[in-house]
Protein backbone atom coordinates (compact mmCIF):
# COMPACT_ATOMS: atom_id res chain seq x y z
CA UNK A 1 0.00 0.00 0.00
CA UNK A 2 2.83 2.41 0.83
CA UNK A 3 4.52 1.64 -2.48
CA UNK A 4 1.32 2.48 -4.42
CA UNK A 5 1.00 5.84 -2.63
CA UNK A 6 4.65 6.57 -3.35
CA UNK A 7 4.19 5.85 -7.06
CA UNK A 8 1.05 8.02 -7.15
CA UNK A 9 2.91 10.84 -5.38
CA UNK A 10 5.80 10.65 -7.87
CA UNK A 11 3.38 10.63 -10.80
CA UNK A 12 1.60 13.74 -9.48
CA UNK A 13 4.90 15.47 -8.80
CA UNK A 14 6.07 14.69 -12.35
CA UNK A 15 2.89 16.16 -13.83
CA UNK A 16 3.24 19.34 -11.76
CA UNK A 17 6.90 19.63 -12.76
CA UNK A 18 6.19 19.12 -16.48
CA UNK A 19 3.25 21.53 -16.52
CA UNK A 20 5.29 24.13 -14.67
CA UNK A 21 8.20 23.83 -17.08
CA UNK A 22 6.27 23.68 -20.33
CA UNK A 23 4.36 26.96 -20.02
CA UNK A 24 7.29 29.34 -19.77
CA UNK A 25 8.89 31.54 -22.36
CA UNK A 26 12.22 30.12 -23.59
CA UNK A 27 15.46 31.80 -22.60
CA UNK A 28 16.44 34.43 -25.17
CA UNK A 29 12.89 35.05 -26.37
CA UNK A 30 12.52 38.81 -26.89
CA UNK A 31 9.71 41.12 -25.85
CA UNK A 32 7.16 41.28 -28.68
CA UNK A 33 4.57 43.89 -29.67
CA UNK A 34 1.44 43.54 -31.82
CA UNK A 35 1.96 43.67 -35.58
CA UNK A 36 -1.00 43.43 -37.94
CA UNK A 37 -0.63 43.26 -41.72
CA UNK A 38 -3.76 43.54 -43.88
CA UNK A 39 -3.59 42.40 -47.51
CA UNK A 40 -6.09 43.71 -50.06
CA UNK A 41 -6.68 43.55 -53.78
CA UNK A 42 -8.11 47.04 -54.20
CA UNK A 43 -10.80 46.99 -51.54
CA UNK A 44 -11.23 43.19 -51.49
CA UNK A 45 -9.49 41.30 -48.66
CA UNK A 46 -7.26 38.42 -49.74
CA UNK A 47 -7.69 35.29 -47.61
CA UNK A 48 -4.93 32.78 -46.74
CA UNK A 49 -1.94 34.89 -47.71
CA UNK A 50 1.20 33.66 -45.96
CA UNK A 51 2.86 36.72 -44.43
CA UNK A 52 6.51 36.48 -43.43
CA UNK A 53 8.66 39.22 -41.95
CA UNK A 54 12.39 39.07 -42.46
CA UNK A 55 14.53 41.11 -40.14
CA UNK A 56 17.32 43.22 -41.54
CA UNK A 57 19.57 41.97 -38.73
CA UNK A 58 20.36 38.35 -37.77
CA UNK A 59 17.46 36.85 -35.82
CA UNK A 60 19.12 33.85 -34.13
CA UNK A 61 16.60 31.30 -35.35
CA UNK A 62 13.41 33.27 -34.86
CA UNK A 63 10.69 33.17 -37.51
CA UNK A 64 8.04 35.89 -37.87
CA UNK A 65 4.91 34.82 -39.74
CA UNK A 66 1.14 34.53 -39.95
CA UNK A 67 -1.74 33.99 -42.37
CA UNK A 68 -4.51 36.36 -43.39
CA UNK A 69 -8.08 35.66 -42.30
CA UNK A 70 -11.38 36.36 -44.08
CA UNK A 71 -10.89 40.11 -43.58
CA UNK A 72 -7.39 39.99 -45.11
CA UNK A 73 -5.86 40.62 -41.68
CA UNK A 74 -2.83 38.78 -40.31
CA UNK A 75 -1.64 39.00 -36.72
CA UNK A 76 2.06 38.28 -37.13
CA UNK A 77 3.65 36.06 -34.50
CA UNK A 78 7.13 34.94 -33.49
CA UNK A 79 8.33 31.34 -33.28
CA UNK A 80 11.51 30.30 -31.51
CA UNK A 81 12.52 26.85 -30.24
CA UNK A 82 8.99 25.43 -30.78
CA UNK A 83 7.48 28.33 -28.83
CA UNK A 84 5.00 30.68 -30.50
CA UNK A 85 3.77 34.05 -29.31
CA UNK A 86 1.64 36.58 -31.16
CA UNK A 87 3.61 39.75 -31.90
CA UNK A 88 7.12 40.54 -33.10
CA UNK A 89 10.16 42.26 -31.59
CA UNK A 90 10.53 45.93 -32.41
CA UNK A 91 12.69 46.56 -35.46
CA UNK A 92 12.69 46.95 -39.23
CA UNK A 93 11.48 44.09 -41.42
CA UNK A 94 10.97 43.20 -45.06
CA UNK A 95 7.43 41.97 -45.76
CA UNK A 96 7.03 38.86 -47.92
CA UNK A 97 3.61 37.73 -49.17
CA UNK A 98 2.83 34.34 -50.70
CA UNK A 99 -0.41 32.87 -52.02
CA UNK A 100 -0.39 30.29 -54.75
CA UNK A 101 -3.38 30.03 -57.08
CA UNK A 102 -5.52 27.01 -56.23
CA UNK A 103 -6.07 24.36 -58.88
CA UNK A 104 -8.81 21.82 -58.27
CA UNK A 105 -7.43 18.32 -57.89
CA UNK A 106 -8.79 16.15 -60.71
CA UNK A 107 -7.94 12.84 -59.02
CA UNK A 108 -9.24 11.41 -55.77
CA UNK A 109 -6.83 10.31 -53.04
CA UNK A 110 -7.64 6.68 -53.88
CA UNK A 111 -6.79 7.31 -57.55
CA UNK A 112 -3.51 8.99 -56.62
CA UNK A 113 -2.62 6.12 -54.27
CA UNK A 114 -2.99 3.68 -57.18
CA UNK A 115 -0.61 5.63 -59.44
CA UNK A 116 2.96 4.54 -60.13
CA UNK A 117 5.83 6.88 -59.28
CA UNK A 118 6.20 8.12 -62.90
CA UNK A 119 2.43 8.68 -63.10
CA UNK A 120 2.49 10.67 -59.84
CA UNK A 121 5.38 12.78 -61.12
CA UNK A 122 3.58 13.45 -64.42
CA UNK A 123 0.36 14.32 -62.58
CA UNK A 124 2.18 16.74 -60.26
CA UNK A 125 3.86 18.39 -63.25
CA UNK A 126 0.45 18.74 -64.94
CA UNK A 127 -1.06 20.34 -61.82
CA UNK A 128 1.92 22.70 -61.50
CA UNK A 129 1.57 23.73 -65.15
CA UNK A 130 -2.10 24.54 -64.50
CA UNK A 131 -1.10 26.64 -61.43
CA UNK A 132 1.59 28.43 -63.42
CA UNK A 133 -0.96 29.33 -66.13
CA UNK A 134 -3.28 31.03 -63.63
CA UNK A 135 -2.87 34.73 -62.87
CA UNK A 136 -0.79 35.41 -59.79
CA UNK A 137 -2.78 36.59 -56.79
CA UNK A 138 0.27 38.22 -55.22
CA UNK A 139 2.67 40.01 -57.58
CA UNK A 140 6.01 38.21 -57.92
CA UNK A 141 7.78 41.34 -56.68
CA UNK A 142 6.30 40.76 -53.19
CA UNK A 143 7.16 37.06 -52.87
CA UNK A 144 10.85 37.13 -51.92
CA UNK A 145 13.01 39.12 -49.54
CA UNK A 146 15.36 40.03 -52.39
CA UNK A 147 12.57 41.59 -54.49
CA UNK A 148 10.00 43.00 -52.08
CA UNK A 149 9.84 46.77 -51.74
CA UNK A 150 7.60 46.35 -48.67
CA UNK A 151 9.05 47.14 -45.27
CA UNK A 152 7.54 47.70 -41.87
CA UNK A 153 9.10 49.47 -38.92
CA UNK A 154 7.65 47.79 -35.84
CA UNK A 155 7.64 50.26 -32.98
CA UNK A 156 4.89 49.63 -30.47
CA UNK A 157 1.61 48.41 -31.91
CA UNK A 158 2.10 48.44 -35.67
CA UNK A 159 -0.41 48.11 -38.51
CA UNK A 160 0.33 47.98 -42.24
CA UNK A 161 -2.14 47.68 -45.12
CA UNK A 162 -0.83 46.35 -48.42
CA UNK A 163 -2.88 46.84 -51.59
CA UNK A 164 -1.37 44.42 -54.11
CA UNK A 165 -2.84 46.37 -57.05
CA UNK A 166 -0.20 49.03 -56.39
CA UNK A 167 2.53 46.43 -57.11
CA UNK A 168 1.20 44.84 -60.31
């Protein structure tokens, strides 16, 4: 009976220890402030745009990203060592936007599972060719850090609205 209580006590202590350790901010994680990027096509919000911020200084493994919602708004967050927090550290960033045109899949999962490797490769190439033929939702000039003219200076709560029609 004593051994069972001891095991139960150790189990409870382990749970308390793990819960206590898992909720904290990792060492080296900076203070972050709200950063909201809204992406529009004229006055129409663009949904599911992947928004990435790239710092102009080395970031020691931190990634700053988010995705636009139905209103075209993205609350950018910071990830570091498998820890995520909404907001980004103050500083200057390049803004990168990505949204690939969607092509309807013409094969079911079961049909794709039955395909040989060469058939899968040919099918993927066909789908990519269809995507490439569609008009780009986000201008190519906004899709890489090397090309984007977009920057944001995060200083306190920061909001930026990007109208992609101005970059076509």
